[in-house]
PDB file of N, CA and C in Angstrom:
ATOM      1  N   UNK A   1       0.965  -1.308   0.491  1.00  0.00           N
ATOM      2  CA  UNK A   1      -0.113  -0.150   0.218  1.00  0.00           C
ATOM      3  C   UNK A   1       0.976   1.236  -0.072  1.00  0.00           C
ATOM      4  N   UNK A   2       0.742   2.077  -0.828  1.00  0.00           N
ATOM      5  CA  UNK A   2       1.538   3.465  -0.847  1.00  0.00           C
ATOM      6  C   UNK A   2       0.468   4.673  -0.167  1.00  0.00           C
ATOM      7  N   UNK A   3       1.166   5.380  -0.168  1.00  0.00           N
ATOM      8  CA  UNK A   3       0.270   6.591   0.708  1.00  0.00           C
ATOM      9  C   UNK A   3       0.383   7.878  -0.350  1.00  0.00           C
ATOM     10  N   UNK A   4      -0.827   8.412  -0.407  1.00  0.00           N
ATOM     11  CA  UNK A   4      -0.531   9.881  -1.134  1.00  0.00           C
ATOM     12  C   UNK A   4      -0.216  10.930  -0.650  1.00  0.00           C
ATOM     13  N   UNK A   5       0.310  12.084  -1.166  1.00  0.00           N
ATOM     14  CA  UNK A   5       0.846  12.905  -0.315  1.00  0.00           C
ATOM     15  C   UNK A   5      -0.128  13.328   0.524  1.00  0.00           C
ATOM     16  N   UNK A   6      -1.662  13.708   0.226  1.00  0.00           N
ATOM     17  CA  UNK A   6      -2.409  14.233   1.325  1.00  0.00           C
ATOM     18  C   UNK A   6      -2.185  12.830   2.426  1.00  0.00           C
ATOM     19  N   UNK A   7      -2.622  11.826   2.298  1.00  0.00           N
ATOM     20  CA  UNK A   7      -2.664  10.985   3.065  1.00  0.00           C
ATOM     21  C   UNK A   7      -1.408  10.945   4.225  1.00  0.00           C
ATOM     22  N   UNK A   8      -0.397  11.156   3.529  1.00  0.00           N
ATOM     23  CA  UNK A   8       0.860  11.198   4.281  1.00  0.00           C
ATOM     24  C   UNK A   8       0.904  12.557   4.946  1.00  0.00           C
ATOM     25  N   UNK A   9       0.508  13.350   4.568  1.00  0.00           N
ATOM     26  CA  UNK A   9       0.105  14.944   5.421  1.00  0.00           C
ATOM     27  C   UNK A   9      -0.877  14.857   6.377  1.00  0.00           C
ATOM     28  N   UNK A  10      -1.882  13.993   6.205  1.00  0.00           N
ATOM     29  CA  UNK A  10      -2.612  13.499   7.351  1.00  0.00           C
ATOM     30  C   UNK A  10      -2.249  13.132   8.214  1.00  0.00           C
ATOM     31  N   UNK A  11      -1.863  11.900   8.005  1.00  0.00           N
ATOM     32  CA  UNK A  11      -0.949  11.258   8.932  1.00  0.00           C
ATOM     33  C   UNK A  11       0.088  11.611   9.537  1.00  0.00           C
ATOM     34  N   UNK A  12       1.021  12.239   9.177  1.00  0.00           N
ATOM     35  CA  UNK A  12       1.772  13.201   9.837  1.00  0.00           C
ATOM     36  C   UNK A  12       1.310  14.303  10.921  1.00  0.00           C
ATOM     37  N   UNK A  13       0.086  15.168  10.393  1.00  0.00           N
ATOM     38  CA  UNK A  13      -0.374  15.765  11.592  1.00  0.00           C
ATOM     39  C   UNK A  13      -0.873  15.305  12.556  1.00  0.00           C
ATOM     40  N   UNK A  14      -1.532  14.102  12.172  1.00  0.00           N
ATOM     41  CA  UNK A  14      -2.146  13.116  13.160  1.00  0.00           C
ATOM     42  C   UNK A  14      -1.060  13.178  14.245  1.00  0.00           C
ATOM     43  N   UNK A  15      -0.228  12.595  13.682  1.00  0.00           N
ATOM     44  CA  UNK A  15       0.990  11.733  14.707  1.00  0.00           C
ATOM     45  C   UNK A  15       1.272  13.410  15.659  1.00  0.00           C
ATOM     46  N   UNK A  16       1.783  14.311  15.002  1.00  0.00           N
ATOM     47  CA  UNK A  16       2.233  15.474  15.154  1.00  0.00           C
ATOM     48  C   UNK A  16       1.213  15.708  16.918  1.00  0.00           C
ATOM     49  N   UNK A  17       0.414  15.973  16.269  1.00  0.00           N
ATOM     50  CA  UNK A  17      -0.697  16.289  17.202  1.00  0.00           C
ATOM     51  C   UNK A  17      -1.225  15.206  18.541  1.00  0.00           C
ATOM     52  N   UNK A  18      -0.962  14.056  18.063  1.00  0.00           N
ATOM     53  CA  UNK A  18      -0.902  12.991  19.035  1.00  0.00           C
ATOM     54  C   UNK A  18       0.348  13.172  20.231  1.00  0.00           C
ATOM     55  N   UNK A  19       1.503  13.186  19.785  1.00  0.00           N
ATOM     56  CA  UNK A  19       2.773  13.835  20.208  1.00  0.00           C
ATOM     57  C   UNK A  19       2.669  14.704  21.298  1.00  0.00           C
ATOM     58  N   UNK A  20       1.975  15.945  20.944  1.00  0.00           N
ATOM     59  CA  UNK A  20       1.980  17.211  21.603  1.00  0.00           C
ATOM     60  C   UNK A  20       0.831  16.997  22.829  1.00  0.00           C
ATOM     61  N   UNK A  21       0.020  16.139  22.687  1.00  0.00           N
ATOM     62  CA  UNK A  21      -0.742  15.905  24.055  1.00  0.00           C
ATOM     63  C   UNK A  21      -0.174  15.294  25.244  1.00  0.00           C
ATOM     64  N   UNK A  22      -0.575  15.989  26.080  1.00  0.00           N
ATOM     65  CA  UNK A  22       0.106  15.961  27.950  1.00  0.00           C
ATOM     66  C   UNK A  22       0.192  14.220  27.758  1.00  0.00           C
ATOM     67  N   UNK A  23       1.035  13.695  28.502  1.00  0.00           N
ATOM     68  CA  UNK A  23       1.225  12.397  29.021  1.00  0.00           C
ATOM     69  C   UNK A  23       2.558  12.288  29.607  1.00  0.00           C
ATOM     70  N   UNK A  24       2.672  11.099  29.783  1.00  0.00           N
ATOM     71  CA  UNK A  24       4.148  10.893  30.405  1.00  0.00           C
ATOM     72  C   UNK A  24       5.446  11.142  29.790  1.00  0.00           C
ATOM     73  N   UNK A  25       5.539  11.354  28.611  1.00  0.00           N
ATOM     74  CA  UNK A  25       6.565  12.453  28.018  1.00  0.00           C
ATOM     75  C   UNK A  25       6.735  13.975  28.491  1.00  0.00           C
ATOM     76  N   UNK A  26       5.366  14.358  28.513  1.00  0.00           N
ATOM     77  CA  UNK A  26       5.314  15.758  29.316  1.00  0.00           C
ATOM     78  C   UNK A  26       5.511  15.804  30.523  1.00  0.00           C
ATOM     79  N   UNK A  27       5.417  14.765  31.547  1.00  0.00           N
ATOM     80  CA  UNK A  27       5.352  14.802  32.966  1.00  0.00           C
ATOM     81  C   UNK A  27       7.231  14.546  33.214  1.00  0.00           C
ATOM     82  N   UNK A  28       7.737  13.801  31.861  1.00  0.00           N
ATOM     83  CA  UNK A  28       9.028  13.659  32.053  1.00  0.00           C
ATOM     84  C   UNK A  28       9.655  14.633  32.076  1.00  0.00           C
ATOM     85  N   UNK A  29       9.577  15.445  31.130  1.00  0.00           N
ATOM     86  CA  UNK A  29      10.355  16.568  30.876  1.00  0.00           C
ATOM     87  C   UNK A  29       9.968  18.036  31.875  1.00  0.00           C
ATOM     88  N   UNK A  30       8.850  17.946  32.145  1.00  0.00           N
ATOM     89  CA  UNK A  30       8.471  18.748  33.333  1.00  0.00           C
ATOM     90  C   UNK A  30       9.551  18.439  34.762  1.00  0.00           C
ATOM     91  N   UNK A  31       9.545  17.488  34.860  1.00  0.00           N
ATOM     92  CA  UNK A  31       9.867  16.642  36.315  1.00  0.00           C
ATOM     93  C   UNK A  31      11.577  16.761  35.976  1.00  0.00           C
ATOM     94  N   UNK A  32      12.089  16.486  34.859  1.00  0.00           N
ATOM     95  CA  UNK A  32      13.428  16.811  34.710  1.00  0.00           C
ATOM     96  C   UNK A  32      13.603  18.387  34.866  1.00  0.00           C
ATOM     97  N   UNK A  33      13.293  19.192  34.209  1.00  0.00           N
ATOM     98  CA  UNK A  33      13.265  20.729  34.520  1.00  0.00           C
ATOM     99  C   UNK A  33      13.253  21.279  35.788  1.00  0.00           C
ATOM    100  N   UNK A  34      12.337  20.594  36.279  1.00  0.00           N
ATOM    101  CA  UNK A  34      11.849  21.144  37.799  1.00  0.00           C
ATOM    102  C   UNK A  34      12.759  20.444  38.767  1.00  0.00           C
ATOM    103  N   UNK A  35      13.640  19.003  38.685  1.00  0.00           N
ATOM    104  CA  UNK A  35      14.221  18.676  39.685  1.00  0.00           C
ATOM    105  C   UNK A  35      16.309  19.075  39.081  1.00  0.00           C
ATOM    106  N   UNK A  36      16.215  18.889  38.166  1.00  0.00           N
ATOM    107  CA  UNK A  36      17.694  18.977  37.556  1.00  0.00           C
ATOM    108  C   UNK A  36      17.625  20.878  37.449  1.00  0.00           C
ATOM    109  N   UNK A  37      17.396  20.685  36.144  1.00  0.00           N
ATOM    110  CA  UNK A  37      17.911  22.268  35.575  1.00  0.00           C
ATOM    111  C   UNK A  37      16.855  22.878  34.675  1.00  0.00           C
ATOM    112  N   UNK A  38      17.003  23.880  33.718  1.00  0.00           N
ATOM    113  CA  UNK A  38      16.241  24.074  32.635  1.00  0.00           C
ATOM    114  C   UNK A  38      16.820  23.595  31.616  1.00  0.00           C
ATOM    115  N   UNK A  39      18.262  23.836  31.331  1.00  0.00           N
ATOM    116  CA  UNK A  39      18.876  23.022  30.071  1.00  0.00           C
ATOM    117  C   UNK A  39      18.581  21.479  30.129  1.00  0.00           C
ATOM    118  N   UNK A  40      18.656  21.025  31.604  1.00  0.00           N
ATOM    119  CA  UNK A  40      18.394  19.713  31.107  1.00  0.00           C
ATOM    120  C   UNK A  40      17.158  19.202  30.966  1.00  0.00           C
ATOM    121  N   UNK A  41      15.946  19.900  31.297  1.00  0.00           N
ATOM    122  CA  UNK A  41      14.465  20.117  30.495  1.00  0.00           C
ATOM    123  C   UNK A  41      14.543  19.973  28.966  1.00  0.00           C
ATOM    124  N   UNK A  42      15.199  21.015  28.632  1.00  0.00           N
ATOM    125  CA  UNK A  42      15.317  20.840  27.207  1.00  0.00           C
ATOM    126  C   UNK A  42      16.183  19.841  26.858  1.00  0.00           C
ATOM    127  N   UNK A  43      17.111  19.322  27.379  1.00  0.00           N
ATOM    128  CA  UNK A  43      18.021  18.360  26.707  1.00  0.00           C
ATOM    129  C   UNK A  43      16.989  16.882  26.568  1.00  0.00           C
ATOM    130  N   UNK A  44      15.947  16.978  27.575  1.00  0.00           N
ATOM    131  CA  UNK A  44      15.029  15.862  27.818  1.00  0.00           C
ATOM    132  C   UNK A  44      13.576  15.687  26.626  1.00  0.00           C
ATOM    133  N   UNK A  45      13.462  16.899  26.559  1.00  0.00           N
ATOM    134  CA  UNK A  45      12.758  17.412  25.399  1.00  0.00           C
ATOM    135  C   UNK A  45      12.829  17.148  24.006  1.00  0.00           C
ATOM    136  N   UNK A  46      14.289  17.411  23.834  1.00  0.00           N
ATOM    137  CA  UNK A  46      14.976  17.217  22.507  1.00  0.00           C
ATOM    138  C   UNK A  46      15.018  15.505  22.561  1.00  0.00           C
ATOM    139  N   UNK A  47      15.479  14.839  23.435  1.00  0.00           N
ATOM    140  CA  UNK A  47      15.310  13.524  23.251  1.00  0.00           C
ATOM    141  C   UNK A  47      13.849  12.625  23.175  1.00  0.00           C
ATOM    142  N   UNK A  48      12.926  13.211  23.941  1.00  0.00           N
ATOM    143  CA  UNK A  48      11.398  12.882  23.603  1.00  0.00           C
ATOM    144  C   UNK A  48      11.279  12.969  22.094  1.00  0.00           C
ATOM    145  N   UNK A  49      11.504  14.423  21.604  1.00  0.00           N
ATOM    146  CA  UNK A  49      11.225  14.635  20.222  1.00  0.00           C
ATOM    147  C   UNK A  49      12.181  13.922  18.995  1.00  0.00           C
ATOM    148  N   UNK A  50      13.343  13.599  19.786  1.00  0.00           N
ATOM    149  CA  UNK A  50      14.051  12.699  18.675  1.00  0.00           C
ATOM    150  C   UNK A  50      13.210  11.500  18.691  1.00  0.00           C
ATOM    151  N   UNK A  51      12.673  10.624  19.835  1.00  0.00           N
ATOM    152  CA  UNK A  51      12.387   9.487  19.768  1.00  0.00           C
ATOM    153  C   UNK A  51      10.983   9.342  19.323  1.00  0.00           C
ATOM    154  N   UNK A  52      10.527  10.099  19.727  1.00  0.00           N
ATOM    155  CA  UNK A  52       8.951  10.218  18.666  1.00  0.00           C
ATOM    156  C   UNK A  52       8.983  10.555  17.182  1.00  0.00           C
ATOM    157  N   UNK A  53       9.754  11.282  17.060  1.00  0.00           N
ATOM    158  CA  UNK A  53      10.072  11.347  15.461  1.00  0.00           C
ATOM    159  C   UNK A  53      10.730  10.125  15.126  1.00  0.00           C
ATOM    160  N   UNK A  54      11.593   9.138  15.485  1.00  0.00           N
ATOM    161  CA  UNK A  54      11.866   7.896  14.676  1.00  0.00           C
ATOM    162  C   UNK A  54      10.922   6.948  14.800  1.00  0.00           C
ATOM    163  N   UNK A  55       9.526   7.270  16.045  1.00  0.00           N
ATOM    164  CA  UNK A  55       8.402   6.518  16.029  1.00  0.00           C
ATOM    165  C   UNK A  55       7.739   6.790  14.900  1.00  0.00           C
ATOM    166  N   UNK A  56       7.456   7.699  14.591  1.00  0.00           N
ATOM    167  CA  UNK A  56       6.651   8.335  13.200  1.00  0.00           C
ATOM    168  C   UNK A  56       7.225   7.992  11.873  1.00  0.00           C
ATOM    169  N   UNK A  57       8.537   7.885  11.861  1.00  0.00           N
ATOM    170  CA  UNK A  57       9.098   7.583  10.705  1.00  0.00           C
ATOM    171  C   UNK A  57       8.674   6.109  10.376  1.00  0.00           C
ATOM    172  N   UNK A  58       9.068   5.521  11.292  1.00  0.00           N
ATOM    173  CA  UNK A  58       8.835   4.067  11.374  1.00  0.00           C
ATOM    174  C   UNK A  58       7.456   3.752  11.027  1.00  0.00           C
ATOM    175  N   UNK A  59       6.402   4.217  11.793  1.00  0.00           N
ATOM    176  CA  UNK A  59       5.318   4.001  11.503  1.00  0.00           C
ATOM    177  C   UNK A  59       4.827   4.374  10.043  1.00  0.00           C
ATOM    178  N   UNK A  60       5.586   5.254   9.372  1.00  0.00           N
ATOM    179  CA  UNK A  60       4.971   5.862   7.843  1.00  0.00           C
ATOM    180  C   UNK A  60       5.816   4.700   7.061  1.00  0.00           C
ATOM    181  N   UNK A  61       7.050   4.252   7.211  1.00  0.00           N
ATOM    182  CA  UNK A  61       8.005   3.432   6.407  1.00  0.00           C
ATOM    183  C   UNK A  61       7.028   1.801   6.627  1.00  0.00           C
ATOM    184  N   UNK A  62       5.862   1.777   7.548  1.00  0.00           N
ATOM    185  CA  UNK A  62       5.537   0.137   7.795  1.00  0.00           C
ATOM    186  C   UNK A  62       6.635  -0.560   8.694  1.00  0.00           C
ATOM    187  N   UNK A  63       7.179  -0.047   9.461  1.00  0.00           N
ATOM    188  CA  UNK A  63       7.764  -0.979  10.324  1.00  0.00           C
ATOM    189  C   UNK A  63       7.153  -2.017  11.142  1.00  0.00           C
ATOM    190  N   UNK A  64       6.050  -1.910  11.288  1.00  0.00           N
ATOM    191  CA  UNK A  64       5.073  -2.500  12.173  1.00  0.00           C
ATOM    192  C   UNK A  64       4.781  -3.896  11.530  1.00  0.00           C
ATOM    193  N   UNK A  65       4.943  -4.394  10.174  1.00  0.00           N
ATOM    194  CA  UNK A  65       5.093  -5.238   9.451  1.00  0.00           C
ATOM    195  C   UNK A  65       6.051  -6.178   9.711  1.00  0.00           C
ATOM    196  N   UNK A  66       7.245  -5.442   9.776  1.00  0.00           N
ATOM    197  CA  UNK A  66       8.446  -6.100   9.890  1.00  0.00           C
ATOM    198  C   UNK A  66       8.523  -6.725  11.552  1.00  0.00           C
ATOM    199  N   UNK A  67       7.707  -6.240  12.026  1.00  0.00           N
ATOM    200  CA  UNK A  67       7.701  -6.486  13.890  1.00  0.00           C
ATOM    201  C   UNK A  67       6.609  -7.615  14.181  1.00  0.00           C
ATOM    202  N   UNK A  68       5.689  -7.877  13.052  1.00  0.00           N
ATOM    203  CA  UNK A  68       4.552  -8.684  13.402  1.00  0.00           C
ATOM    204  C   UNK A  68       4.855  -9.931  12.789  1.00  0.00           C
ATOM    205  N   UNK A  69       4.049 -10.593  13.632  1.00  0.00           N
ATOM    206  CA  UNK A  69       4.474 -12.356  13.508  1.00  0.00           C
ATOM    207  C   UNK A  69       5.080 -13.049  14.103  1.00  0.00           C
ATOM    208  N   UNK A  70       6.229 -12.173  15.084  1.00  0.00           N
ATOM    209  CA  UNK A  70       7.233 -12.859  15.433  1.00  0.00           C
ATOM    210  C   UNK A  70       8.245 -13.092  14.606  1.00  0.00           C
ATOM    211  N   UNK A  71       8.966 -12.091  13.430  1.00  0.00           N
ATOM    212  CA  UNK A  71      10.080 -12.244  12.878  1.00  0.00           C
ATOM    213  C   UNK A  71      11.464 -12.313  13.529  1.00  0.00           C
ATOM    214  N   UNK A  72      12.174 -12.680  12.885  1.00  0.00           N
ATOM    215  CA  UNK A  72      13.535 -12.841  13.553  1.00  0.00           C
ATOM    216  C   UNK A  72      13.849 -11.214  14.342  1.00  0.00           C
ATOM    217  N   UNK A  73      13.921 -10.195  13.449  1.00  0.00           N
ATOM    218  CA  UNK A  73      13.914  -9.241  13.207  1.00  0.00           C
ATOM    219  C   UNK A  73      13.355  -8.714  14.517  1.00  0.00           C
ATOM    220  N   UNK A  74      12.143  -8.708  14.646  1.00  0.00           N
ATOM    221  CA  UNK A  74      11.423  -8.860  16.005  1.00  0.00           C
ATOM    222  C   UNK A  74      12.376  -9.026  17.297  1.00  0.00           C
ATOM    223  N   UNK A  75      12.544 -10.901  17.240  1.00  0.00           N
ATOM    224  CA  UNK A  75      13.330 -11.081  18.389  1.00  0.00           C
ATOM    225  C   UNK A  75      14.463 -10.599  18.559  1.00  0.00           C
ATOM    226  N   UNK A  76      15.046 -10.259  17.778  1.00  0.00           N
ATOM    227  CA  UNK A  76      16.392  -9.535  17.561  1.00  0.00           C
ATOM    228  C   UNK A  76      16.216  -8.194  18.481  1.00  0.00           C
ATOM    229  N   UNK A  77      15.220  -7.292  17.983  1.00  0.00           N
ATOM    230  CA  UNK A  77      14.803  -5.979  18.550  1.00  0.00           C
ATOM    231  C   UNK A  77      14.543  -6.004  19.910  1.00  0.00           C
ATOM    232  N   UNK A  78      13.875  -6.954  20.519  1.00  0.00           N
ATOM    233  CA  UNK A  78      13.582  -7.302  21.772  1.00  0.00           C
ATOM    234  C   UNK A  78      14.696  -7.609  22.468  1.00  0.00           C
ATOM    235  N   UNK A  79      15.429  -8.516  21.973  1.00  0.00           N
ATOM    236  CA  UNK A  79      16.967  -8.837  23.102  1.00  0.00           C
ATOM    237  C   UNK A  79      17.409  -7.216  22.952  1.00  0.00           C
ATOM    238  N   UNK A  80      17.970  -6.653  21.936  1.00  0.00           N
ATOM    239  CA  UNK A  80      18.766  -5.776  22.406  1.00  0.00           C
ATOM    240  C   UNK A  80      17.895  -4.671  23.214  1.00  0.00           C
ATOM    241  N   UNK A  81      16.876  -4.676  23.351  1.00  0.00           N
ATOM    242  CA  UNK A  81      16.194  -3.405  23.982  1.00  0.00           C
ATOM    243  C   UNK A  81      16.381  -3.999  25.639  1.00  0.00           C
ATOM    244  N   UNK A  82      15.946  -5.435  25.608  1.00  0.00           N
ATOM    245  CA  UNK A  82      16.159  -6.072  27.318  1.00  0.00           C
ATOM    246  C   UNK A  82      17.794  -5.840  27.677  1.00  0.00           C
ATOM    247  N   UNK A  83      18.395  -5.885  26.561  1.00  0.00           N
ATOM    248  CA  UNK A  83      19.682  -5.850  26.808  1.00  0.00           C
ATOM    249  C   UNK A  83      20.397  -4.589  27.553  1.00  0.00           C
ATOM    250  N   UNK A  84      19.741  -3.361  26.491  1.00  0.00           N
ATOM    251  CA  UNK A  84      19.743  -2.108  26.972  1.00  0.00           C
ATOM    252  C   UNK A  84      19.493  -1.804  28.880  1.00  0.00           C
ATOM    253  N   UNK A  85      18.048  -1.990  28.457  1.00  0.00           N
ATOM    254  CA  UNK A  85      17.222  -1.672  29.800  1.00  0.00           C
ATOM    255  C   UNK A  85      18.097  -2.497  31.061  1.00  0.00           C
ATOM    256  N   UNK A  86      18.822  -3.837  31.027  1.00  0.00           N
ATOM    257  CA  UNK A  86      19.746  -4.141  32.063  1.00  0.00           C
ATOM    258  C   UNK A  86      20.860  -3.165  32.069  1.00  0.00           C
ATOM    259  N   UNK A  87      21.687  -2.970  31.020  1.00  0.00           N
ATOM    260  CA  UNK A  87      22.626  -2.127  31.299  1.00  0.00           C
ATOM    261  C   UNK A  87      22.102  -0.689  31.878  1.00  0.00           C
ATOM    262  N   UNK A  88      21.083  -0.408  31.818  1.00  0.00           N
ATOM    263  CA  UNK A  88      20.806   0.292  32.410  1.00  0.00           C
ATOM    264  C   UNK A  88      20.529   0.549  33.737  1.00  0.00           C
ATOM    265  N   UNK A  89      20.089  -0.459  33.970  1.00  0.00           N
ATOM    266  CA  UNK A  89      19.628  -1.304  35.791  1.00  0.00           C
ATOM    267  C   UNK A  89      20.934  -1.501  36.379  1.00  0.00           C
ATOM    268  N   UNK A  90      21.857  -1.987  35.531  1.00  0.00           N
ATOM    269  CA  UNK A  90      23.101  -2.064  36.518  1.00  0.00           C
ATOM    270  C   UNK A  90      23.910  -0.862  36.771  1.00  0.00           C
ATOM    271  N   UNK A  91      24.079   0.269  35.655  1.00  0.00           N
ATOM    272  CA  UNK A  91      24.372   1.188  35.610  1.00  0.00           C
ATOM    273  C   UNK A  91      23.931   1.832  36.936  1.00  0.00           C
ATOM    274  N   UNK A  92      22.303   2.172  37.167  1.00  0.00           N
ATOM    275  CA  UNK A  92      21.580   2.689  38.460  1.00  0.00           C
ATOM    276  C   UNK A  92      22.008   2.006  39.696  1.00  0.00           C
ATOM    277  N   UNK A  93      22.388   0.696  40.045  1.00  0.00           N
ATOM    278  CA  UNK A  93      22.657   0.077  40.750  1.00  0.00           C
ATOM    279  C   UNK A  93      24.237   0.571  41.106  1.00  0.00           C
ATOM    280  N   UNK A  94      25.003   0.546  40.013  1.00  0.00           N
ATOM    281  CA  UNK A  94      26.456   0.374  40.694  1.00  0.00           C
ATOM    282  C   UNK A  94      26.340   2.251  41.001  1.00  0.00           C
ATOM    283  N   UNK A  95      25.589   3.047  40.474  1.00  0.00           N
ATOM    284  CA  UNK A  95      25.724   4.564  41.010  1.00  0.00           C
ATOM    285  C   UNK A  95      24.864   4.478  42.504  1.00  0.00           C
ATOM    286  N   UNK A  96      24.043   3.951  42.728  1.00  0.00           N
ATOM    287  CA  UNK A  96      23.695   3.933  44.309  1.00  0.00           C
ATOM    288  C   UNK A  96      24.617   3.415  45.344  1.00  0.00           C
ATOM    289  N   UNK A  97      25.459   2.256  44.736  1.00  0.00           N
ATOM    290  CA  UNK A  97      26.311   1.824  45.519  1.00  0.00           C
ATOM    291  C   UNK A  97      27.334   2.890  46.235  1.00  0.00           C
ATOM    292  N   UNK A  98      27.686   3.363  44.847  1.00  0.00           N
ATOM    293  CA  UNK A  98      28.971   4.571  44.708  1.00  0.00           C
ATOM    294  C   UNK A  98      28.082   5.690  45.693  1.00  0.00           C
ATOM    295  N   UNK A  99      27.118   6.173  45.588  1.00  0.00           N
ATOM    296  CA  UNK A  99      26.764   7.098  46.355  1.00  0.00           C
ATOM    297  C   UNK A  99      26.899   6.796  47.935  1.00  0.00           C
ATOM    298  N   UNK A 100      26.157   5.414  48.206  1.00  0.00           N
ATOM    299  CA  UNK A 100      26.204   5.093  49.540  1.00  0.00           C
ATOM    300  C   UNK A 100      27.831   4.715  50.354  1.00  0.00           C
ATOM    301  N   UNK A 101      28.478   4.159  49.337  1.00  0.00           N
ATOM    302  CA  UNK A 101      30.027   4.369  49.758  1.00  0.00           C
ATOM    303  C   UNK A 101      30.426   5.795  50.001  1.00  0.00           C
ATOM    304  N   UNK A 102      30.054   6.441  49.159  1.00  0.00           N
ATOM    305  CA  UNK A 102      30.567   7.979  49.366  1.00  0.00           C
ATOM    306  C   UNK A 102      29.769   8.649  51.022  1.00  0.00           C
ATOM    307  N   UNK A 103      28.886   8.215  50.868  1.00  0.00           N
ATOM    308  CA  UNK A 103      28.435   8.614  52.409  1.00  0.00           C
ATOM    309  C   UNK A 103      28.734   7.900  53.683  1.00  0.00           C
ATOM    310  N   UNK A 104      29.570   6.624  53.358  1.00  0.00           N
ATOM    311  CA  UNK A 104      30.021   5.992  54.220  1.00  0.00           C
ATOM    312  C   UNK A 104      29.258   5.287  55.037  1.00  0.00           C
ATOM    313  N   UNK A 105      28.060   4.636  54.391  1.00  0.00           N
ATOM    314  CA  UNK A 105      26.756   3.868  54.825  1.00  0.00           C
ATOM    315  C   UNK A 105      27.413   2.130  54.596  1.00  0.00           C
ATOM    316  N   UNK A 106      28.177   2.052  53.754  1.00  0.00           N
ATOM    317  CA  UNK A 106      28.946   0.757  53.263  1.00  0.00           C
ATOM    318  C   UNK A 106      30.489   0.803  53.316  1.00  0.00           C
ATOM    319  N   UNK A 107      30.987  -0.136  54.031  1.00  0.00           N
ATOM    320  CA  UNK A 107      32.315  -0.627  53.838  1.00  0.00           C
ATOM    321  C   UNK A 107      32.479  -0.659  52.914  1.00  0.00           C
ATOM    322  N   UNK A 108      34.130  -0.181  52.918  1.00  0.00           N
ATOM    323  CA  UNK A 108      34.955  -0.349  51.395  1.00  0.00           C
ATOM    324  C   UNK A 108      35.207  -1.691  51.065  1.00  0.00           C
TER     325      UNK A 108
END
């Protein structure tokens, strides 16, 4: 199925409007800006914008068909995502241990 220029414009407008609706991304950006700094809030907003942009482009290109049906690509993507989340989690654990050691709550 190919999209006409009008359909592509309508899809893009709809996707942009959905992204702009308040939700978890907006809460993340507001929390980051309030807790850390204004500059960190702008960086968080840029990260959300890039992530949502990638999602919109992938949707337009039909990435859903690649991921449907348990394909090898889908399995690789889920494994890579899980590994990334595990890496982030271990990093948070290491950071917490380092902070506790710094506060001299744990012996070295």
